[in-house]
């Protein structure tokens, strides 16, 4: 994941802020300008490798149900009433 955070300081300090420490927890690089985004897109494996631990931690904390079985769980609930 790449985060184009050109307005990070404004959003964090003025607009509304974050619920968690986004800068510490972000599962990918925070890129402040389009040049940095273009560079990161040119070498996607480099960013993925550098942020693999942060991505895994983020997914464990916020995406524990993202296992490809969401539709099956919905059908199970609808058909069994649980």
PDB file of N, CA and C in Angstrom:
ATOM      1  N   UNK A   1       0.836  -1.171   0.000  1.00  0.00           N
ATOM      2  CA  UNK A   1       0.000   0.000   0.000  1.00  0.00           C
ATOM      3  C   UNK A   1       0.882   1.234   0.000  1.00  0.00           C
ATOM      4  N   UNK A   2       0.490   2.204  -0.777  1.00  0.00           N
ATOM      5  CA  UNK A   2       1.185   3.484  -0.811  1.00  0.00           C
ATOM      6  C   UNK A   2       0.215   4.557  -0.334  1.00  0.00           C
ATOM      7  N   UNK A   3       0.700   5.468   0.456  1.00  0.00           N
ATOM      8  CA  UNK A   3      -0.149   6.541   0.978  1.00  0.00           C
ATOM      9  C   UNK A   3       0.387   7.887   0.509  1.00  0.00           C
ATOM     10  N   UNK A   4      -0.384   8.544  -0.360  1.00  0.00           N
ATOM     11  CA  UNK A   4      -0.022   9.874  -0.847  1.00  0.00           C
ATOM     12  C   UNK A   4      -0.492  10.878   0.209  1.00  0.00           C
ATOM     13  N   UNK A   5       0.404  11.269   1.068  1.00  0.00           N
ATOM     14  CA  UNK A   5       0.054  12.058   2.250  1.00  0.00           C
ATOM     15  C   UNK A   5       0.525  13.507   2.128  1.00  0.00           C
ATOM     16  N   UNK A   6       0.243  14.122   0.988  1.00  0.00           N
ATOM     17  CA  UNK A   6       0.649  15.505   0.758  1.00  0.00           C
ATOM     18  C   UNK A   6       0.037  16.465   1.774  1.00  0.00           C
ATOM     19  N   UNK A   7      -1.096  16.097   2.356  1.00  0.00           N
ATOM     20  CA  UNK A   7      -1.784  16.968   3.308  1.00  0.00           C
ATOM     21  C   UNK A   7      -1.786  16.394   4.728  1.00  0.00           C
ATOM     22  N   UNK A   8      -0.832  15.547   5.035  1.00  0.00           N
ATOM     23  CA  UNK A   8      -0.795  14.860   6.321  1.00  0.00           C
ATOM     24  C   UNK A   8      -0.810  15.818   7.502  1.00  0.00           C
ATOM     25  N   UNK A   9       0.059  16.806   7.496  1.00  0.00           N
ATOM     26  CA  UNK A   9       0.141  17.737   8.632  1.00  0.00           C
ATOM     27  C   UNK A   9      -1.171  18.503   8.798  1.00  0.00           C
ATOM     28  N   UNK A  10      -1.763  18.953   7.698  1.00  0.00           N
ATOM     29  CA  UNK A  10      -3.031  19.685   7.787  1.00  0.00           C
ATOM     30  C   UNK A  10      -4.136  18.787   8.331  1.00  0.00           C
ATOM     31  N   UNK A  11      -4.235  17.584   7.792  1.00  0.00           N
ATOM     32  CA  UNK A  11      -5.282  16.669   8.235  1.00  0.00           C
ATOM     33  C   UNK A  11      -5.091  16.310   9.706  1.00  0.00           C
ATOM     34  N   UNK A  12      -3.862  15.970  10.082  1.00  0.00           N
ATOM     35  CA  UNK A  12      -3.556  15.551  11.449  1.00  0.00           C
ATOM     36  C   UNK A  12      -3.737  16.692  12.439  1.00  0.00           C
ATOM     37  N   UNK A  13      -3.253  17.888  12.107  1.00  0.00           N
ATOM     38  CA  UNK A  13      -3.184  18.993  13.065  1.00  0.00           C
ATOM     39  C   UNK A  13      -4.365  19.955  13.015  1.00  0.00           C
ATOM     40  N   UNK A  14      -5.043  20.022  11.866  1.00  0.00           N
ATOM     41  CA  UNK A  14      -6.091  21.030  11.703  1.00  0.00           C
ATOM     42  C   UNK A  14      -7.455  20.445  11.360  1.00  0.00           C
ATOM     43  N   UNK A  15      -7.502  19.592  10.362  1.00  0.00           N
ATOM     44  CA  UNK A  15      -8.790  19.135   9.824  1.00  0.00           C
ATOM     45  C   UNK A  15      -9.562  18.228  10.777  1.00  0.00           C
ATOM     46  N   UNK A  16      -8.977  17.125  11.173  1.00  0.00           N
ATOM     47  CA  UNK A  16      -9.721  16.231  12.053  1.00  0.00           C
ATOM     48  C   UNK A  16      -8.870  15.291  12.865  1.00  0.00           C
ATOM     49  N   UNK A  17      -7.658  15.029  12.457  1.00  0.00           N
ATOM     50  CA  UNK A  17      -6.797  14.125  13.210  1.00  0.00           C
ATOM     51  C   UNK A  17      -7.088  12.672  12.905  1.00  0.00           C
ATOM     52  N   UNK A  18      -6.444  11.798  13.645  1.00  0.00           N
ATOM     53  CA  UNK A  18      -6.579  10.360  13.448  1.00  0.00           C
ATOM     54  C   UNK A  18      -7.023   9.708  14.749  1.00  0.00           C
ATOM     55  N   UNK A  19      -7.657   8.562  14.646  1.00  0.00           N
ATOM     56  CA  UNK A  19      -8.040   7.791  15.824  1.00  0.00           C
ATOM     57  C   UNK A  19      -6.834   7.068  16.414  1.00  0.00           C
ATOM     58  N   UNK A  20      -5.899   6.705  15.571  1.00  0.00           N
ATOM     59  CA  UNK A  20      -4.691   6.005  15.994  1.00  0.00           C
ATOM     60  C   UNK A  20      -3.493   6.752  15.410  1.00  0.00           C
ATOM     61  N   UNK A  21      -2.308   6.377  15.806  1.00  0.00           N
ATOM     62  CA  UNK A  21      -1.089   7.018  15.304  1.00  0.00           C
ATOM     63  C   UNK A  21      -0.807   6.502  13.892  1.00  0.00           C
ATOM     64  N   UNK A  22      -1.437   7.128  12.923  1.00  0.00           N
ATOM     65  CA  UNK A  22      -1.343   6.694  11.530  1.00  0.00           C
ATOM     66  C   UNK A  22       0.098   6.636  11.045  1.00  0.00           C
ATOM     67  N   UNK A  23       0.890   7.616  11.410  1.00  0.00           N
ATOM     68  CA  UNK A  23       2.268   7.656  10.937  1.00  0.00           C
ATOM     69  C   UNK A  23       3.065   6.450  11.445  1.00  0.00           C
ATOM     70  N   UNK A  24       2.794   6.003  12.640  1.00  0.00           N
ATOM     71  CA  UNK A  24       3.506   4.846  13.195  1.00  0.00           C
ATOM     72  C   UNK A  24       2.921   3.526  12.706  1.00  0.00           C
ATOM     73  N   UNK A  25       1.610   3.481  12.447  1.00  0.00           N
ATOM     74  CA  UNK A  25       0.928   2.233  12.124  1.00  0.00           C
ATOM     75  C   UNK A  25       0.694   1.995  10.633  1.00  0.00           C
ATOM     76  N   UNK A  26       0.942   2.988   9.803  1.00  0.00           N
ATOM     77  CA  UNK A  26       0.646   2.861   8.368  1.00  0.00           C
ATOM     78  C   UNK A  26       1.332   1.638   7.775  1.00  0.00           C
ATOM     79  N   UNK A  27       0.574   0.810   7.039  1.00  0.00           N
ATOM     80  CA  UNK A  27       1.129  -0.410   6.474  1.00  0.00           C
ATOM     81  C   UNK A  27       1.842  -0.208   5.140  1.00  0.00           C
ATOM     82  N   UNK A  28       2.397   0.958   4.954  1.00  0.00           N
ATOM     83  CA  UNK A  28       3.130   1.276   3.734  1.00  0.00           C
ATOM     84  C   UNK A  28       3.755   2.644   3.866  1.00  0.00           C
ATOM     85  N   UNK A  29       4.536   3.036   2.879  1.00  0.00           N
ATOM     86  CA  UNK A  29       5.234   4.316   2.957  1.00  0.00           C
ATOM     87  C   UNK A  29       4.288   5.506   2.861  1.00  0.00           C
ATOM     88  N   UNK A  30       4.625   6.562   3.589  1.00  0.00           N
ATOM     89  CA  UNK A  30       3.905   7.838   3.519  1.00  0.00           C
ATOM     90  C   UNK A  30       4.666   8.713   2.538  1.00  0.00           C
ATOM     91  N   UNK A  31       4.047   9.025   1.421  1.00  0.00           N
ATOM     92  CA  UNK A  31       4.703   9.729   0.327  1.00  0.00           C
ATOM     93  C   UNK A  31       4.121  11.128   0.198  1.00  0.00           C
ATOM     94  N   UNK A  32       4.966  12.118   0.349  1.00  0.00           N
ATOM     95  CA  UNK A  32       4.468  13.499   0.452  1.00  0.00           C
ATOM     96  C   UNK A  32       4.266  14.205  -0.878  1.00  0.00           C
ATOM     97  N   UNK A  33       4.769  13.648  -1.980  1.00  0.00           N
ATOM     98  CA  UNK A  33       4.568  14.323  -3.265  1.00  0.00           C
ATOM     99  C   UNK A  33       4.436  13.300  -4.382  1.00  0.00           C
ATOM    100  N   UNK A  34       3.967  13.756  -5.536  1.00  0.00           N
ATOM    101  CA  UNK A  34       3.700  12.841  -6.643  1.00  0.00           C
ATOM    102  C   UNK A  34       4.981  12.208  -7.183  1.00  0.00           C
ATOM    103  N   UNK A  35       6.096  12.906  -7.063  1.00  0.00           N
ATOM    104  CA  UNK A  35       7.363  12.319  -7.492  1.00  0.00           C
ATOM    105  C   UNK A  35       7.703  11.084  -6.678  1.00  0.00           C
ATOM    106  N   UNK A  36       7.488  11.155  -5.373  1.00  0.00           N
ATOM    107  CA  UNK A  36       7.745  10.007  -4.506  1.00  0.00           C
ATOM    108  C   UNK A  36       6.784   8.862  -4.817  1.00  0.00           C
ATOM    109  N   UNK A  37       5.538   9.187  -5.143  1.00  0.00           N
ATOM    110  CA  UNK A  37       4.569   8.151  -5.523  1.00  0.00           C
ATOM    111  C   UNK A  37       5.030   7.465  -6.806  1.00  0.00           C
ATOM    112  N   UNK A  38       5.461   8.244  -7.796  1.00  0.00           N
ATOM    113  CA  UNK A  38       5.931   7.675  -9.062  1.00  0.00           C
ATOM    114  C   UNK A  38       7.132   6.765  -8.836  1.00  0.00           C
ATOM    115  N   UNK A  39       8.066   7.190  -7.993  1.00  0.00           N
ATOM    116  CA  UNK A  39       9.233   6.354  -7.692  1.00  0.00           C
ATOM    117  C   UNK A  39       8.814   5.046  -7.020  1.00  0.00           C
ATOM    118  N   UNK A  40       7.901   5.139  -6.078  1.00  0.00           N
ATOM    119  CA  UNK A  40       7.438   3.941  -5.374  1.00  0.00           C
ATOM    120  C   UNK A  40       6.708   2.988  -6.317  1.00  0.00           C
ATOM    121  N   UNK A  41       5.946   3.537  -7.248  1.00  0.00           N
ATOM    122  CA  UNK A  41       5.240   2.695  -8.215  1.00  0.00           C
ATOM    123  C   UNK A  41       6.199   2.019  -9.191  1.00  0.00           C
ATOM    124  N   UNK A  42       7.344   2.630  -9.424  1.00  0.00           N
ATOM    125  CA  UNK A  42       8.337   2.050 -10.330  1.00  0.00           C
ATOM    126  C   UNK A  42       9.025   0.839  -9.705  1.00  0.00           C
ATOM    127  N   UNK A  43       9.063   0.777  -8.374  1.00  0.00           N
ATOM    128  CA  UNK A  43       9.716  -0.329  -7.659  1.00  0.00           C
ATOM    129  C   UNK A  43       8.793  -0.861  -6.561  1.00  0.00           C
ATOM    130  N   UNK A  44       7.660  -1.450  -6.904  1.00  0.00           N
ATOM    131  CA  UNK A  44       6.679  -1.860  -5.884  1.00  0.00           C
ATOM    132  C   UNK A  44       7.199  -2.908  -4.904  1.00  0.00           C
ATOM    133  N   UNK A  45       8.049  -3.801  -5.352  1.00  0.00           N
ATOM    134  CA  UNK A  45       8.566  -4.842  -4.455  1.00  0.00           C
ATOM    135  C   UNK A  45       9.418  -4.255  -3.339  1.00  0.00           C
ATOM    136  N   UNK A  46      10.118  -3.186  -3.626  1.00  0.00           N
ATOM    137  CA  UNK A  46      10.962  -2.548  -2.614  1.00  0.00           C
ATOM    138  C   UNK A  46      10.114  -2.045  -1.450  1.00  0.00           C
ATOM    139  N   UNK A  47       9.028  -1.371  -1.755  1.00  0.00           N
ATOM    140  CA  UNK A  47       8.139  -0.867  -0.706  1.00  0.00           C
ATOM    141  C   UNK A  47       7.454  -1.978   0.048  1.00  0.00           C
ATOM    142  N   UNK A  48       7.044  -3.018  -0.671  1.00  0.00           N
ATOM    143  CA  UNK A  48       6.366  -4.146  -0.025  1.00  0.00           C
ATOM    144  C   UNK A  48       7.303  -4.841   0.951  1.00  0.00           C
ATOM    145  N   UNK A  49       8.533  -5.017   0.554  1.00  0.00           N
ATOM    146  CA  UNK A  49       9.509  -5.669   1.425  1.00  0.00           C
ATOM    147  C   UNK A  49       9.804  -4.812   2.648  1.00  0.00           C
ATOM    148  N   UNK A  50       9.996  -3.525   2.434  1.00  0.00           N
ATOM    149  CA  UNK A  50      10.350  -2.626   3.531  1.00  0.00           C
ATOM    150  C   UNK A  50       9.243  -2.495   4.569  1.00  0.00           C
ATOM    151  N   UNK A  51       7.999  -2.672   4.148  1.00  0.00           N
ATOM    152  CA  UNK A  51       6.867  -2.478   5.059  1.00  0.00           C
ATOM    153  C   UNK A  51       6.098  -3.773   5.351  1.00  0.00           C
ATOM    154  N   UNK A  52       6.704  -4.908   5.105  1.00  0.00           N
ATOM    155  CA  UNK A  52       6.022  -6.195   5.286  1.00  0.00           C
ATOM    156  C   UNK A  52       5.554  -6.396   6.725  1.00  0.00           C
ATOM    157  N   UNK A  53       6.380  -6.069   7.700  1.00  0.00           N
ATOM    158  CA  UNK A  53       5.988  -6.252   9.098  1.00  0.00           C
ATOM    159  C   UNK A  53       4.836  -5.334   9.482  1.00  0.00           C
ATOM    160  N   UNK A  54       4.900  -4.080   9.039  1.00  0.00           N
ATOM    161  CA  UNK A  54       3.833  -3.124   9.346  1.00  0.00           C
ATOM    162  C   UNK A  54       2.529  -3.558   8.676  1.00  0.00           C
ATOM    163  N   UNK A  55       2.605  -4.079   7.453  1.00  0.00           N
ATOM    164  CA  UNK A  55       1.415  -4.559   6.744  1.00  0.00           C
ATOM    165  C   UNK A  55       0.793  -5.741   7.483  1.00  0.00           C
ATOM    166  N   UNK A  56       1.630  -6.678   7.902  1.00  0.00           N
ATOM    167  CA  UNK A  56       1.133  -7.850   8.630  1.00  0.00           C
ATOM    168  C   UNK A  56       0.471  -7.438   9.948  1.00  0.00           C
ATOM    169  N   UNK A  57       1.079  -6.508  10.662  1.00  0.00           N
ATOM    170  CA  UNK A  57       0.509  -6.039  11.933  1.00  0.00           C
ATOM    171  C   UNK A  57      -0.816  -5.322  11.696  1.00  0.00           C
ATOM    172  N   UNK A  58      -0.886  -4.492  10.663  1.00  0.00           N
ATOM    173  CA  UNK A  58      -2.111  -3.769  10.334  1.00  0.00           C
ATOM    174  C   UNK A  58      -3.224  -4.741   9.961  1.00  0.00           C
ATOM    175  N   UNK A  59      -2.882  -5.725   9.149  1.00  0.00           N
ATOM    176  CA  UNK A  59      -3.884  -6.707   8.728  1.00  0.00           C
ATOM    177  C   UNK A  59      -4.387  -7.526   9.917  1.00  0.00           C
ATOM    178  N   UNK A  60      -3.495  -7.894  10.812  1.00  0.00           N
ATOM    179  CA  UNK A  60      -3.903  -8.653  11.995  1.00  0.00           C
ATOM    180  C   UNK A  60      -4.813  -7.824  12.894  1.00  0.00           C
ATOM    181  N   UNK A  61      -4.528  -6.532  13.000  1.00  0.00           N
ATOM    182  CA  UNK A  61      -5.305  -5.661  13.880  1.00  0.00           C
ATOM    183  C   UNK A  61      -6.647  -5.256  13.280  1.00  0.00           C
ATOM    184  N   UNK A  62      -6.685  -5.014  11.964  1.00  0.00           N
ATOM    185  CA  UNK A  62      -7.885  -4.428  11.364  1.00  0.00           C
ATOM    186  C   UNK A  62      -8.549  -5.267  10.283  1.00  0.00           C
ATOM    187  N   UNK A  63      -7.936  -6.353   9.876  1.00  0.00           N
ATOM    188  CA  UNK A  63      -8.505  -7.132   8.780  1.00  0.00           C
ATOM    189  C   UNK A  63      -8.578  -8.609   9.082  1.00  0.00           C
ATOM    190  N   UNK A  64      -8.855  -8.940  10.319  1.00  0.00           N
ATOM    191  CA  UNK A  64      -8.844 -10.348  10.707  1.00  0.00           C
ATOM    192  C   UNK A  64      -9.909 -11.176   9.985  1.00  0.00           C
ATOM    193  N   UNK A  65     -10.939 -10.548   9.470  1.00  0.00           N
ATOM    194  CA  UNK A  65     -11.980 -11.289   8.745  1.00  0.00           C
ATOM    195  C   UNK A  65     -11.753 -11.288   7.236  1.00  0.00           C
ATOM    196  N   UNK A  66     -10.698 -10.646   6.778  1.00  0.00           N
ATOM    197  CA  UNK A  66     -10.399 -10.598   5.345  1.00  0.00           C
ATOM    198  C   UNK A  66      -9.686 -11.879   4.923  1.00  0.00           C
ATOM    199  N   UNK A  67     -10.455 -12.939   4.840  1.00  0.00           N
ATOM    200  CA  UNK A  67      -9.878 -14.242   4.527  1.00  0.00           C
ATOM    201  C   UNK A  67     -10.466 -14.845   3.252  1.00  0.00           C
ATOM    202  N   UNK A  68     -11.265 -14.062   2.520  1.00  0.00           N
ATOM    203  CA  UNK A  68     -11.877 -14.570   1.300  1.00  0.00           C
ATOM    204  C   UNK A  68     -13.146 -15.362   1.528  1.00  0.00           C
ATOM    205  N   UNK A  69     -13.646 -15.390   2.764  1.00  0.00           N
ATOM    206  CA  UNK A  69     -14.832 -16.178   3.086  1.00  0.00           C
ATOM    207  C   UNK A  69     -15.995 -15.322   3.589  1.00  0.00           C
ATOM    208  N   UNK A  70     -15.950 -14.037   3.353  1.00  0.00           N
ATOM    209  CA  UNK A  70     -16.995 -13.141   3.861  1.00  0.00           C
ATOM    210  C   UNK A  70     -18.371 -13.505   3.307  1.00  0.00           C
ATOM    211  N   UNK A  71     -18.468 -13.745   2.011  1.00  0.00           N
ATOM    212  CA  UNK A  71     -19.766 -14.085   1.410  1.00  0.00           C
ATOM    213  C   UNK A  71     -20.311 -15.390   1.997  1.00  0.00           C
ATOM    214  N   UNK A  72     -19.446 -16.351   2.213  1.00  0.00           N
ATOM    215  CA  UNK A  72     -19.888 -17.626   2.796  1.00  0.00           C
ATOM    216  C   UNK A  72     -20.421 -17.416   4.206  1.00  0.00           C
ATOM    217  N   UNK A  73     -19.782 -16.546   4.976  1.00  0.00           N
ATOM    218  CA  UNK A  73     -20.278 -16.262   6.331  1.00  0.00           C
ATOM    219  C   UNK A  73     -21.645 -15.591   6.284  1.00  0.00           C
ATOM    220  N   UNK A  74     -21.855 -14.700   5.339  1.00  0.00           N
ATOM    221  CA  UNK A  74     -23.162 -14.042   5.200  1.00  0.00           C
ATOM    222  C   UNK A  74     -24.227 -15.076   4.853  1.00  0.00           C
ATOM    223  N   UNK A  75     -23.943 -15.942   3.896  1.00  0.00           N
ATOM    224  CA  UNK A  75     -24.908 -16.968   3.501  1.00  0.00           C
ATOM    225  C   UNK A  75     -25.209 -17.887   4.677  1.00  0.00           C
ATOM    226  N   UNK A  76     -24.178 -18.285   5.413  1.00  0.00           N
ATOM    227  CA  UNK A  76     -24.398 -19.134   6.583  1.00  0.00           C
ATOM    228  C   UNK A  76     -25.323 -18.466   7.593  1.00  0.00           C
ATOM    229  N   UNK A  77     -25.093 -17.210   7.846  1.00  0.00           N
ATOM    230  CA  UNK A  77     -25.940 -16.494   8.809  1.00  0.00           C
ATOM    231  C   UNK A  77     -27.375 -16.370   8.310  1.00  0.00           C
ATOM    232  N   UNK A  78     -27.517 -16.114   7.036  1.00  0.00           N
ATOM    233  CA  UNK A  78     -28.865 -15.962   6.473  1.00  0.00           C
ATOM    234  C   UNK A  78     -29.623 -17.294   6.445  1.00  0.00           C
ATOM    235  N   UNK A  79     -28.924 -18.360   6.205  1.00  0.00           N
ATOM    236  CA  UNK A  79     -29.617 -19.649   6.072  1.00  0.00           C
ATOM    237  C   UNK A  79     -29.751 -20.400   7.377  1.00  0.00           C
ATOM    238  N   UNK A  80     -28.934 -20.101   8.366  1.00  0.00           N
ATOM    239  CA  UNK A  80     -29.048 -20.805   9.649  1.00  0.00           C
ATOM    240  C   UNK A  80     -29.670 -19.934  10.729  1.00  0.00           C
ATOM    241  N   UNK A  81     -29.789 -18.650  10.454  1.00  0.00           N
ATOM    242  CA  UNK A  81     -30.397 -17.750  11.436  1.00  0.00           C
ATOM    243  C   UNK A  81     -29.496 -17.402  12.615  1.00  0.00           C
ATOM    244  N   UNK A  82     -28.233 -17.743  12.520  1.00  0.00           N
ATOM    245  CA  UNK A  82     -27.307 -17.457  13.631  1.00  0.00           C
ATOM    246  C   UNK A  82     -26.555 -16.176  13.395  1.00  0.00           C
TER     247      UNK A  82
END
